[in-house]
Amino acid sequence: MKAADLIRNVLNMNEVHLAIIADMRETPLVQPTSLGGNHPLWVIGHLAIVEEIFRSMITGESTTLNQWHELFGATTVPSSDASKYPEFDTLMDEYKKQRALNLAMLDGLAESDLEQPLQSPPPGMTEEMIAQFFPNAATTLLVMTNHFAFHCGQVADARRALGKAPLMF
């Protein structure tokens, strides 16, 4: 199996877990713990911008979702005021668009391209951190899949906070 095939497989497995997020469409502001946390509306917006950011890191292309960074960036705190956010379906559609663009990007990369360093490494990271977490396109794409799974777990906890049964084992 080629690295691109493995990465595509993991990216596609992430998509199965979208059902966990989609199930929160009617209650997108439920936080995963009694002490707060990232609610599903914030999570799907955050995932959308991160999909684009990771692609930008690999290709060097500029990002277009910059207006959402103040709402969904890594250092933001989710608000319980729904009026501050785009609609759930808008965010879900944008996430799906960004993931499709990443899959198309992957389809256009040769196996040797996956071993290349990033065109635009993440700002504020030391050389050691970049070497560990983002040494090349392949590792960056795999970090993206782990990032998705991490936040999907937060949404699974928000579902449980509502008393919903698990959708997956």
C-alpha atoms as a PDB file:
ATOM      1  CA  MET A   1       0.000   0.000   0.000  1.00  0.00           C
ATOM      2  CA  LYS A   2       1.268   3.463  -0.870  1.00  0.00           C
ATOM      3  CA  ALA A   3       1.372   6.249   1.712  1.00  0.00           C
ATOM      4  CA  ALA A   4      -1.233   8.247  -0.230  1.00  0.00           C
ATOM      5  CA  ASP A   5      -3.627   5.282  -0.124  1.00  0.00           C
ATOM      6  CA  LEU A   6      -3.195   4.921   3.622  1.00  0.00           C
ATOM      7  CA  ILE A   7      -3.736   8.654   4.207  1.00  0.00           C
ATOM      8  CA  ARG A   8      -6.824   8.669   1.965  1.00  0.00           C
ATOM      9  CA  ASN A   9      -8.206   5.678   3.874  1.00  0.00           C
ATOM     10  CA  VAL A  10      -7.800   7.465   7.217  1.00  0.00           C
ATOM     11  CA  LEU A  11      -9.275  10.707   5.830  1.00  0.00           C
ATOM     12  CA  ASN A  12     -12.280   8.757   4.566  1.00  0.00           C
ATOM     13  CA  MET A  13     -12.695   7.008   7.932  1.00  0.00           C
ATOM     14  CA  ASN A  14     -12.949  10.467   9.526  1.00  0.00           C
ATOM     15  CA  GLU A  15     -15.945  11.144   7.326  1.00  0.00           C
ATOM     16  CA  VAL A  16     -17.877   8.289   8.936  1.00  0.00           C
ATOM     17  CA  HIS A  17     -17.635  10.189  12.204  1.00  0.00           C
ATOM     18  CA  LEU A  18     -19.363  13.242  10.720  1.00  0.00           C
ATOM     19  CA  ALA A  19     -22.599  11.547  11.802  1.00  0.00           C
ATOM     20  CA  ILE A  20     -21.671  12.349  15.410  1.00  0.00           C
ATOM     21  CA  ILE A  21     -21.412  16.038  14.577  1.00  0.00           C
ATOM     22  CA  ALA A  22     -24.453  16.066  12.268  1.00  0.00           C
ATOM     23  CA  ASP A  23     -26.526  14.524  15.056  1.00  0.00           C
ATOM     24  CA  MET A  24     -25.987  17.734  17.053  1.00  0.00           C
ATOM     25  CA  ARG A  25     -27.516  20.014  14.415  1.00  0.00           C
ATOM     26  CA  GLU A  26     -30.525  20.876  16.599  1.00  0.00           C
ATOM     27  CA  THR A  27     -28.449  21.343  19.779  1.00  0.00           C
ATOM     28  CA  PRO A  28     -25.121  22.717  18.521  1.00  0.00           C
ATOM     29  CA  LEU A  29     -24.263  24.774  21.604  1.00  0.00           C
ATOM     30  CA  VAL A  30     -24.226  21.927  24.123  1.00  0.00           C
ATOM     31  CA  GLN A  31     -20.850  21.803  25.802  1.00  0.00           C
ATOM     32  CA  PRO A  32     -19.167  18.473  26.531  1.00  0.00           C
ATOM     33  CA  THR A  33     -18.752  19.006  30.278  1.00  0.00           C
ATOM     34  CA  SER A  34     -20.424  20.855  33.126  1.00  0.00           C
ATOM     35  CA  LEU A  35     -17.332  23.059  33.132  1.00  0.00           C
ATOM     36  CA  GLY A  36     -17.763  24.033  29.476  1.00  0.00           C
ATOM     37  CA  GLY A  37     -15.675  23.013  26.517  1.00  0.00           C
ATOM     38  CA  ASN A  38     -15.864  23.112  22.757  1.00  0.00           C
ATOM     39  CA  HIS A  39     -19.463  22.821  21.609  1.00  0.00           C
ATOM     40  CA  PRO A  40     -20.323  21.181  18.265  1.00  0.00           C
ATOM     41  CA  LEU A  41     -20.949  24.482  16.451  1.00  0.00           C
ATOM     42  CA  TRP A  42     -17.457  25.692  17.361  1.00  0.00           C
ATOM     43  CA  VAL A  43     -15.942  22.306  16.547  1.00  0.00           C
ATOM     44  CA  ILE A  44     -17.297  22.129  12.986  1.00  0.00           C
ATOM     45  CA  GLY A  45     -16.208  25.708  12.264  1.00  0.00           C
ATOM     46  CA  HIS A  46     -12.786  25.016  13.744  1.00  0.00           C
ATOM     47  CA  LEU A  47     -12.412  21.848  11.680  1.00  0.00           C
ATOM     48  CA  ALA A  48     -13.306  23.764   8.507  1.00  0.00           C
ATOM     49  CA  ILE A  49     -10.629  26.415   9.002  1.00  0.00           C
ATOM     50  CA  VAL A  50      -8.008  23.879  10.060  1.00  0.00           C
ATOM     51  CA  GLU A  51      -8.628  21.798   6.926  1.00  0.00           C
ATOM     52  CA  GLU A  52      -7.838  24.898   4.894  1.00  0.00           C
ATOM     53  CA  ILE A  53      -4.856  25.883   7.058  1.00  0.00           C
ATOM     54  CA  PHE A  54      -3.266  22.439   6.716  1.00  0.00           C
ATOM     55  CA  ARG A  55      -3.734  22.496   2.932  1.00  0.00           C
ATOM     56  CA  SER A  56      -2.148  25.950   2.861  1.00  0.00           C
ATOM     57  CA  MET A  57       0.800  24.640   4.854  1.00  0.00           C
ATOM     58  CA  ILE A  58       1.338  21.900   2.259  1.00  0.00           C
ATOM     59  CA  THR A  59       0.717  23.931  -0.911  1.00  0.00           C
ATOM     60  CA  GLY A  60       1.665  27.449   0.131  1.00  0.00           C
ATOM     61  CA  GLU A  61      -1.711  28.724  -1.118  1.00  0.00           C
ATOM     62  CA  SER A  62      -3.290  31.571   0.823  1.00  0.00           C
ATOM     63  CA  THR A  63      -6.330  30.922   2.993  1.00  0.00           C
ATOM     64  CA  THR A  64      -9.807  32.288   2.287  1.00  0.00           C
ATOM     65  CA  LEU A  65     -11.627  31.633   5.577  1.00  0.00           C
ATOM     66  CA  ASN A  66      -9.718  34.319   7.482  1.00  0.00           C
ATOM     67  CA  GLN A  67     -12.953  35.994   8.639  1.00  0.00           C
ATOM     68  CA  TRP A  68     -13.676  32.854  10.696  1.00  0.00           C
ATOM     69  CA  HIS A  69     -10.345  32.719  12.513  1.00  0.00           C
ATOM     70  CA  GLU A  70     -11.543  35.051  15.276  1.00  0.00           C
ATOM     71  CA  LEU A  71     -14.475  32.677  15.887  1.00  0.00           C
ATOM     72  CA  PHE A  72     -12.831  29.282  15.433  1.00  0.00           C
ATOM     73  CA  GLY A  73      -9.084  29.738  15.833  1.00  0.00           C
ATOM     74  CA  ALA A  74      -7.133  27.523  18.211  1.00  0.00           C
ATOM     75  CA  THR A  75      -6.977  30.173  20.934  1.00  0.00           C
ATOM     76  CA  THR A  76     -10.648  31.173  20.809  1.00  0.00           C
ATOM     77  CA  VAL A  77     -13.157  30.395  23.531  1.00  0.00           C
ATOM     78  CA  PRO A  78     -16.518  29.076  22.301  1.00  0.00           C
ATOM     79  CA  SER A  79     -19.455  31.367  23.000  1.00  0.00           C
ATOM     80  CA  SER A  80     -22.937  30.168  23.930  1.00  0.00           C
ATOM     81  CA  ASP A  81     -24.385  32.991  21.793  1.00  0.00           C
ATOM     82  CA  ALA A  82     -25.465  31.356  18.523  1.00  0.00           C
ATOM     83  CA  SER A  83     -25.846  34.769  16.851  1.00  0.00           C
ATOM     84  CA  LYS A  84     -22.046  35.125  16.833  1.00  0.00           C
ATOM     85  CA  TYR A  85     -21.667  32.156  14.503  1.00  0.00           C
ATOM     86  CA  PRO A  86     -22.620  31.179  10.967  1.00  0.00           C
ATOM     87  CA  GLU A  87     -25.431  28.632  10.708  1.00  0.00           C
ATOM     88  CA  PHE A  88     -24.627  24.992  11.486  1.00  0.00           C
ATOM     89  CA  ASP A  89     -25.358  23.875   7.903  1.00  0.00           C
ATOM     90  CA  THR A  90     -23.106  26.612   6.497  1.00  0.00           C
ATOM     91  CA  LEU A  91     -20.247  25.394   8.678  1.00  0.00           C
ATOM     92  CA  MET A  92     -20.880  21.738   7.865  1.00  0.00           C
ATOM     93  CA  ASP A  93     -20.973  22.524   4.135  1.00  0.00           C
ATOM     94  CA  GLU A  94     -17.721  24.486   4.401  1.00  0.00           C
ATOM     95  CA  TYR A  95     -16.050  21.658   6.299  1.00  0.00           C
ATOM     96  CA  LYS A  96     -17.129  19.163   3.612  1.00  0.00           C
ATOM     97  CA  LYS A  97     -15.869  21.504   0.878  1.00  0.00           C
ATOM     98  CA  GLN A  98     -12.482  21.867   2.576  1.00  0.00           C
ATOM     99  CA  ARG A  99     -12.140  18.114   3.111  1.00  0.00           C
ATOM    100  CA  ALA A 100     -13.017  17.506  -0.560  1.00  0.00           C
ATOM    101  CA  LEU A 101     -10.336  20.009  -1.577  1.00  0.00           C
ATOM    102  CA  ASN A 102      -7.829  18.184   0.617  1.00  0.00           C
ATOM    103  CA  LEU A 103      -8.726  14.833  -0.896  1.00  0.00           C
ATOM    104  CA  ALA A 104      -8.357  16.350  -4.373  1.00  0.00           C
ATOM    105  CA  MET A 105      -4.993  17.805  -3.341  1.00  0.00           C
ATOM    106  CA  LEU A 106      -3.909  14.377  -2.124  1.00  0.00           C
ATOM    107  CA  ASP A 107      -4.977  12.837  -5.436  1.00  0.00           C
ATOM    108  CA  GLY A 108      -2.728  15.336  -7.206  1.00  0.00           C
ATOM    109  CA  LEU A 109       0.356  14.576  -5.125  1.00  0.00           C
ATOM    110  CA  ALA A 110       2.946  12.081  -6.244  1.00  0.00           C
ATOM    111  CA  GLU A 111       4.241   9.698  -3.609  1.00  0.00           C
ATOM    112  CA  SER A 112       7.503  11.664  -3.528  1.00  0.00           C
ATOM    113  CA  ASP A 113       5.545  14.904  -2.917  1.00  0.00           C
ATOM    114  CA  LEU A 114       4.333  13.489   0.392  1.00  0.00           C
ATOM    115  CA  GLU A 115       7.925  13.426   1.637  1.00  0.00           C
ATOM    116  CA  GLN A 116       8.545  17.090   0.842  1.00  0.00           C
ATOM    117  CA  PRO A 117       8.743  19.745   3.562  1.00  0.00           C
ATOM    118  CA  LEU A 118       5.831  22.127   3.939  1.00  0.00           C
ATOM    119  CA  GLN A 119       5.572  25.139   1.653  1.00  0.00           C
ATOM    120  CA  SER A 120       4.335  27.258   4.560  1.00  0.00           C
ATOM    121  CA  PRO A 121       5.211  25.860   8.007  1.00  0.00           C
ATOM    122  CA  PRO A 122       2.943  26.921  10.861  1.00  0.00           C
ATOM    123  CA  PRO A 123       4.023  30.251  12.358  1.00  0.00           C
ATOM    124  CA  GLY A 124       5.259  30.401  15.913  1.00  0.00           C
ATOM    125  CA  MET A 125       6.620  26.859  15.994  1.00  0.00           C
ATOM    126  CA  THR A 126      10.218  26.029  16.687  1.00  0.00           C
ATOM    127  CA  GLU A 127      12.243  24.044  14.188  1.00  0.00           C
ATOM    128  CA  GLU A 128      12.113  21.096  16.603  1.00  0.00           C
ATOM    129  CA  MET A 129       8.308  21.230  16.766  1.00  0.00           C
ATOM    130  CA  ILE A 130       8.030  21.428  12.986  1.00  0.00           C
ATOM    131  CA  ALA A 131      10.420  18.496  12.628  1.00  0.00           C
ATOM    132  CA  GLN A 132       8.358  16.453  15.082  1.00  0.00           C
ATOM    133  CA  PHE A 133       4.782  17.291  14.032  1.00  0.00           C
ATOM    134  CA  PHE A 134       4.988  18.737  10.503  1.00  0.00           C
ATOM    135  CA  PRO A 135       8.139  17.435   8.796  1.00  0.00           C
ATOM    136  CA  ASN A 136       6.405  16.791   5.475  1.00  0.00           C
ATOM    137  CA  ALA A 137       3.059  16.668   3.687  1.00  0.00           C
ATOM    138  CA  ALA A 138       2.309  13.047   4.675  1.00  0.00           C
ATOM    139  CA  THR A 139       2.750  13.636   8.393  1.00  0.00           C
ATOM    140  CA  THR A 140       0.794  16.885   8.209  1.00  0.00           C
ATOM    141  CA  LEU A 141      -2.166  15.088   6.625  1.00  0.00           C
ATOM    142  CA  LEU A 142      -2.029  12.408   9.320  1.00  0.00           C
ATOM    143  CA  VAL A 143      -1.910  15.083  12.032  1.00  0.00           C
ATOM    144  CA  MET A 144      -5.037  16.526  10.404  1.00  0.00           C
ATOM    145  CA  THR A 145      -6.820  13.180  10.807  1.00  0.00           C
ATOM    146  CA  ASN A 146      -5.824  13.008  14.475  1.00  0.00           C
ATOM    147  CA  HIS A 147      -6.999  16.583  14.971  1.00  0.00           C
ATOM    148  CA  PHE A 148     -10.404  15.656  13.529  1.00  0.00           C
ATOM    149  CA  ALA A 149     -10.679  12.624  15.816  1.00  0.00           C
ATOM    150  CA  PHE A 150      -9.716  14.673  18.884  1.00  0.00           C
ATOM    151  CA  HIS A 151     -12.490  17.195  18.280  1.00  0.00           C
ATOM    152  CA  CYS A 152     -14.980  14.526  17.265  1.00  0.00           C
ATOM    153  CA  GLY A 153     -14.461  13.050  20.730  1.00  0.00           C
ATOM    154  CA  GLN A 154     -15.487  16.385  22.229  1.00  0.00           C
ATOM    155  CA  VAL A 155     -18.718  16.278  20.226  1.00  0.00           C
ATOM    156  CA  ALA A 156     -19.312  12.688  21.330  1.00  0.00           C
ATOM    157  CA  ASP A 157     -19.040  13.929  24.923  1.00  0.00           C
ATOM    158  CA  ALA A 158     -21.499  16.765  24.178  1.00  0.00           C
ATOM    159  CA  ARG A 159     -23.923  14.149  22.844  1.00  0.00           C
ATOM    160  CA  ARG A 160     -23.538  12.176  26.066  1.00  0.00           C
ATOM    161  CA  ALA A 161     -24.142  15.380  28.089  1.00  0.00           C
ATOM    162  CA  LEU A 162     -27.560  15.424  26.409  1.00  0.00           C
ATOM    163  CA  GLY A 163     -28.150  11.809  27.396  1.00  0.00           C
ATOM    164  CA  LYS A 164     -27.829  10.512  23.837  1.00  0.00           C
ATOM    165  CA  ALA A 165     -26.604   6.975  23.305  1.00  0.00           C
ATOM    166  CA  PRO A 166     -23.338   6.479  21.425  1.00  0.00           C
ATOM    167  CA  LEU A 167     -23.678   6.290  17.639  1.00  0.00           C
ATOM    168  CA  MET A 168     -20.547   4.204  17.291  1.00  0.00           C
ATOM    169  CA  PHE A 169     -18.978   1.509  19.399  1.00  0.00           C
END
